[in-house]
Amino acid sequence: MNVLVFDIETVPDVASGRRVHGLEGLSDDDVAKVMFHKRREETGSDFLRLHLQRIVAISAVLRTRDLVRVWSLGDPESDEAELLQRFFDGIDKFTPTLVSWNGGGFDLPVIHYRALLHGVAATRYWDTGEEDRDFKWNNYLSRYHARHTDLMDVLAGYQARANAPLDEIATMLGFPGKMGMSGALVWDEYQAGNIEGIRNYCETDVLNTYLVYLRFELIRGRLSHKEYEQELGRLRDTLRSENKPHLEEFLTAWADD
């Protein structure tokens, strides 16, 4: 079985914000300030509505029978439509189990809206049995199907009041947790041109999700304790072989715990 763990990072979609709020003539920075202000008036929070967020990074851990791979889709110069197309191309190629933390409440709805905006086709992803009969009973869209496993939802028993942040769960389990950045800082880093830093941060987030997923596979009996330790070892070997500073830092933090 192929498993694709994924995470996204977003910034304000100033182009849509400019159209929706009639802000023609304002700079991107000023449009974003207006968007944040309007949202604070509505909710007391800067967190924008999902359809007004633009994806700047999609990171993934892919586990197939033969390998485990960690990377960010596309290049730092790739536009949003290319990131989305690569994401859906991976689903077409591998038909993986998608794994996320709050993917049902955030990542996938954002991906849906952005695919709608760019006209990115994804036949396999949207299939609910019309093309493949097996997808009638297990597809990516139904909340209670396992083809997309939202770990936050599952572990909370689908009770919103029981939801927990990934950072705290990862730290509780002895994994590194958040490193070097947070979602609240992504817009500032994006304005500073630090796309590579955002992609690196997204990769460490998705690694935490993958590690929690392996522990979940252990408690539901899909991995024995020996197999679980082997998977951890395989991941450590992969991270060492990449020879990238942010992955080395992740390994160091993991070992320190």
Protein backbone atom coordinates (compact mmCIF):
# COMPACT_ATOMS: atom_id res chain seq x y z
CA MET A 1 0.00 0.00 0.00
CA ASN A 2 1.27 3.48 -0.91
CA VAL A 3 0.99 6.23 1.68
CA LEU A 4 1.30 9.95 0.93
CA VAL A 5 1.49 12.21 3.97
CA PHE A 6 1.07 15.86 3.01
CA ASP A 7 1.00 19.38 4.39
CA ILE A 8 0.53 22.80 2.83
CA GLU A 9 1.61 26.33 3.65
CA THR A 10 -0.44 29.33 2.54
CA VAL A 11 -0.34 33.11 2.26
CA PRO A 12 -3.15 35.60 1.64
CA ASP A 13 -4.55 35.38 -1.89
CA VAL A 14 -4.21 39.09 -2.48
CA ALA A 15 -5.40 38.86 -6.09
CA SER A 16 -8.74 37.39 -5.00
CA GLY A 17 -8.87 39.69 -1.96
CA ARG A 18 -8.45 42.66 -4.28
CA ARG A 19 -11.38 41.48 -6.43
CA VAL A 20 -13.66 40.37 -3.58
CA HIS A 21 -13.19 43.51 -1.49
CA GLY A 22 -12.83 46.04 -4.33
CA LEU A 23 -9.28 47.03 -3.45
CA GLU A 24 -7.94 47.86 -6.91
CA GLY A 25 -4.94 50.17 -6.83
CA LEU A 26 -3.61 48.97 -3.47
CA SER A 27 -0.30 47.13 -3.13
CA ASP A 28 -0.23 43.45 -2.20
CA ASP A 29 0.92 44.34 1.30
CA ASP A 30 -1.90 46.82 1.81
CA VAL A 31 -4.49 44.40 0.40
CA ALA A 32 -3.31 41.74 2.86
CA LYS A 33 -3.56 44.24 5.72
CA VAL A 34 -7.16 45.01 4.77
CA MET A 35 -7.97 41.29 4.51
CA PHE A 36 -6.50 40.62 7.96
CA HIS A 37 -8.33 43.64 9.41
CA LYS A 38 -11.68 42.56 8.02
CA ARG A 39 -11.16 39.05 9.35
CA ARG A 40 -10.23 40.34 12.82
CA GLU A 41 -13.45 42.36 12.84
CA GLU A 42 -15.41 39.22 11.99
CA THR A 43 -13.74 36.69 14.27
CA GLY A 44 -11.05 38.35 16.38
CA SER A 45 -8.42 36.33 14.48
CA ASP A 46 -6.18 36.97 11.47
CA PHE A 47 -6.93 33.50 10.11
CA LEU A 48 -8.40 34.11 6.67
CA ARG A 49 -11.27 32.21 5.13
CA LEU A 50 -9.96 29.17 3.31
CA HIS A 51 -10.92 30.32 -0.18
CA LEU A 52 -8.80 33.45 0.31
CA GLN A 53 -5.57 31.57 1.05
CA ARG A 54 -3.01 30.78 -1.64
CA ILE A 55 -0.76 27.73 -1.50
CA VAL A 56 2.98 28.43 -1.65
CA ALA A 57 4.27 25.02 -0.55
CA ILE A 58 3.09 21.41 -0.56
CA SER A 59 5.41 18.98 1.20
CA ALA A 60 5.07 15.22 1.35
CA VAL A 61 6.37 11.96 2.69
CA LEU A 62 5.77 9.11 0.26
CA ARG A 63 6.05 5.54 1.52
CA THR A 64 5.89 2.80 -1.08
CA ARG A 65 6.92 -0.82 -0.76
CA ASP A 66 10.43 0.06 -1.87
CA LEU A 67 11.19 3.49 -0.48
CA VAL A 68 10.39 6.42 1.77
CA ARG A 69 10.88 9.88 0.31
CA VAL A 70 10.60 13.39 1.80
CA TRP A 71 10.35 16.45 -0.45
CA SER A 72 8.45 19.58 -1.43
CA LEU A 73 6.58 19.49 -4.71
CA GLY A 74 7.94 21.51 -7.61
CA ASP A 75 10.65 24.11 -7.22
CA PRO A 76 10.77 27.35 -5.22
CA GLU A 77 9.83 29.13 -8.47
CA SER A 78 6.81 26.87 -9.19
CA ASP A 79 3.47 28.64 -9.27
CA GLU A 80 0.41 27.42 -7.39
CA ALA A 81 -1.19 25.67 -10.38
CA GLU A 82 1.95 23.58 -10.90
CA LEU A 83 2.05 22.57 -7.23
CA LEU A 84 -1.56 21.47 -7.41
CA GLN A 85 -1.04 19.57 -10.65
CA ARG A 86 1.93 17.72 -9.19
CA PHE A 87 -0.09 16.83 -6.09
CA PHE A 88 -2.92 15.36 -8.12
CA ASP A 89 -0.52 13.68 -10.57
CA GLY A 90 0.93 11.81 -7.60
CA ILE A 91 -2.53 10.62 -6.63
CA ASP A 92 -3.17 9.48 -10.19
CA LYS A 93 0.14 7.60 -10.28
CA PHE A 94 0.19 5.93 -6.85
CA THR A 95 -3.46 5.93 -5.65
CA PRO A 96 -2.05 6.38 -2.14
CA THR A 97 -3.73 6.58 1.21
CA LEU A 98 -3.57 10.30 1.94
CA VAL A 99 -2.56 11.15 5.50
CA SER A 100 -2.82 14.58 7.09
CA TRP A 101 -3.24 16.46 10.33
CA ASN A 102 -6.39 18.55 10.00
CA GLY A 103 -6.38 17.92 6.27
CA GLY A 104 -10.14 17.53 6.26
CA GLY A 105 -10.67 20.88 7.94
CA PHE A 106 -7.93 22.89 6.25
CA ASP A 107 -5.50 21.45 3.68
CA LEU A 108 -7.94 19.67 1.38
CA PRO A 109 -10.63 22.38 1.33
CA VAL A 110 -7.93 24.92 0.45
CA ILE A 111 -6.66 22.56 -2.27
CA HIS A 112 -10.23 22.22 -3.58
CA TYR A 113 -10.75 25.98 -3.85
CA ARG A 114 -7.38 26.53 -5.46
CA ALA A 115 -7.93 23.73 -7.99
CA LEU A 116 -11.30 25.32 -8.77
CA LEU A 117 -9.62 28.68 -9.33
CA HIS A 118 -6.92 27.30 -11.63
CA GLY A 119 -9.05 24.66 -13.37
CA VAL A 120 -6.77 21.79 -12.32
CA ALA A 121 -8.35 18.45 -13.22
CA ALA A 122 -8.01 15.50 -10.84
CA THR A 123 -10.17 12.59 -12.00
CA ARG A 124 -8.81 10.01 -9.57
CA TYR A 125 -9.10 12.27 -6.56
CA TRP A 126 -12.73 13.25 -7.19
CA ASP A 127 -13.89 9.74 -8.08
CA THR A 128 -16.61 8.39 -5.79
CA GLY A 129 -17.32 5.24 -7.76
CA GLU A 130 -18.19 6.53 -11.21
CA GLU A 131 -14.83 5.48 -12.69
CA ASP A 132 -13.67 2.83 -10.21
CA ARG A 133 -16.30 0.81 -8.36
CA ASP A 134 -13.98 0.30 -5.40
CA PHE A 135 -14.03 4.06 -4.84
CA LYS A 136 -17.75 3.92 -4.03
CA TRP A 137 -16.88 2.31 -0.71
CA ASN A 138 -13.51 3.94 -0.05
CA ASN A 139 -12.70 7.30 -1.63
CA TYR A 140 -10.84 10.50 -0.83
CA LEU A 141 -13.92 12.61 -0.18
CA SER A 142 -16.06 10.72 2.34
CA ARG A 143 -15.28 11.68 5.93
CA TYR A 144 -15.44 8.12 7.21
CA HIS A 145 -13.38 6.46 4.48
CA ALA A 146 -9.74 5.64 5.10
CA ARG A 147 -8.36 6.62 1.69
CA HIS A 148 -7.84 10.01 3.31
CA THR A 149 -6.89 9.58 6.98
CA ASP A 150 -7.06 12.85 8.89
CA LEU A 151 -5.17 11.87 12.02
CA MET A 152 -6.44 14.80 14.04
CA ASP A 153 -10.05 13.87 13.31
CA VAL A 154 -9.55 10.15 13.86
CA LEU A 155 -7.67 10.48 17.13
CA ALA A 156 -10.23 12.98 18.43
CA GLY A 157 -13.05 10.58 17.62
CA TYR A 158 -14.45 13.20 15.23
CA GLN A 159 -15.20 15.45 18.22
CA ALA A 160 -13.98 19.01 17.62
CA ARG A 161 -13.62 19.70 21.35
CA ALA A 162 -11.10 16.82 21.52
CA ASN A 163 -8.86 18.16 18.73
CA ALA A 164 -5.18 18.60 19.57
CA PRO A 165 -2.38 20.54 17.84
CA LEU A 166 0.17 18.51 15.90
CA ASP A 167 3.06 20.25 17.62
CA GLU A 168 1.94 19.13 21.07
CA ILE A 169 1.13 15.57 20.03
CA ALA A 170 4.47 15.19 18.25
CA THR A 171 6.34 16.63 21.23
CA MET A 172 4.38 14.41 23.63
CA LEU A 173 5.53 11.37 21.64
CA GLY A 174 9.19 12.43 21.69
CA PHE A 175 9.30 13.78 18.13
CA PRO A 176 10.76 17.20 17.28
CA GLY A 177 7.50 19.15 16.84
CA LYS A 178 7.54 22.64 15.30
CA MET A 179 10.95 23.81 14.16
CA GLY A 180 12.15 27.26 13.15
CA MET A 181 8.84 28.76 12.04
CA SER A 182 5.09 28.65 12.50
CA GLY A 183 2.15 29.10 10.17
CA ALA A 184 1.63 32.60 11.56
CA LEU A 185 5.06 33.66 10.25
CA VAL A 186 4.73 32.29 6.72
CA TRP A 187 3.38 35.53 5.23
CA ASP A 188 6.27 37.55 6.66
CA GLU A 189 8.77 34.98 5.37
CA TYR A 190 7.08 34.96 1.98
CA GLN A 191 7.29 38.75 1.72
CA ALA A 192 10.98 38.48 2.60
CA GLY A 193 11.46 36.07 -0.30
CA ASN A 194 12.22 33.08 1.91
CA ILE A 195 10.34 30.45 -0.10
CA GLU A 196 13.05 27.87 0.57
CA GLY A 197 12.66 28.39 4.31
CA ILE A 198 8.89 27.94 4.04
CA ARG A 199 9.34 24.71 2.07
CA ASN A 200 11.85 23.43 4.61
CA TYR A 201 9.50 24.24 7.48
CA CYS A 202 6.65 22.47 5.68
CA GLU A 203 8.84 19.38 5.27
CA THR A 204 9.55 19.20 9.01
CA ASP A 205 5.82 19.54 9.70
CA VAL A 206 4.99 16.69 7.36
CA LEU A 207 7.71 14.57 8.99
CA ASN A 208 6.03 15.06 12.36
CA THR A 209 2.75 13.97 10.81
CA TYR A 210 4.35 10.87 9.33
CA LEU A 211 5.89 9.92 12.66
CA VAL A 212 2.53 10.27 14.41
CA TYR A 213 1.01 8.17 11.62
CA LEU A 214 3.53 5.38 12.23
CA ARG A 215 2.59 5.39 15.92
CA PHE A 216 -1.08 5.24 14.91
CA GLU A 217 -0.33 2.24 12.69
CA LEU A 218 1.32 0.64 15.73
CA ILE A 219 -1.64 1.11 18.08
CA ARG A 220 -4.14 -0.21 15.57
CA GLY A 221 -2.07 -3.31 14.93
CA ARG A 222 -1.00 -2.57 11.38
CA LEU A 223 2.65 -2.53 12.50
CA SER A 224 4.29 -4.77 15.10
CA HIS A 225 6.72 -3.15 17.53
CA LYS A 226 9.59 -4.58 15.49
CA GLU A 227 8.14 -3.26 12.22
CA TYR A 228 7.53 0.13 13.83
CA GLU A 229 11.17 0.41 14.88
CA GLN A 230 12.23 -0.67 11.40
CA GLU A 231 10.12 2.11 9.86
CA LEU A 232 11.71 4.66 12.19
CA GLY A 233 15.14 3.40 11.21
CA ARG A 234 14.26 3.57 7.52
CA LEU A 235 13.16 7.18 7.92
CA ARG A 236 16.31 8.12 9.81
CA ASP A 237 18.43 6.58 7.05
CA THR A 238 16.50 8.52 4.42
CA LEU A 239 16.95 11.82 6.23
CA ARG A 240 20.68 11.22 6.67
CA SER A 241 21.08 10.39 2.98
CA GLU A 242 19.48 13.68 1.92
CA ASN A 243 22.34 15.67 3.50
CA LYS A 244 20.17 18.78 3.95
CA PRO A 245 20.66 21.11 6.93
CA HIS A 246 16.99 21.31 7.96
CA LEU A 247 16.65 17.52 7.87
CA GLU A 248 19.89 17.14 9.83
CA GLU A 249 18.46 19.56 12.39
CA PHE A 250 15.29 17.49 12.55
CA LEU A 251 17.34 14.34 13.13
CA THR A 252 19.34 16.03 15.88
CA ALA A 253 16.19 17.23 17.65
CA TRP A 254 14.69 13.75 17.32
CA ALA A 255 17.80 12.13 18.81
CA ASP A 256 17.89 14.66 21.67
CA ASP A 257 14.39 13.65 22.66
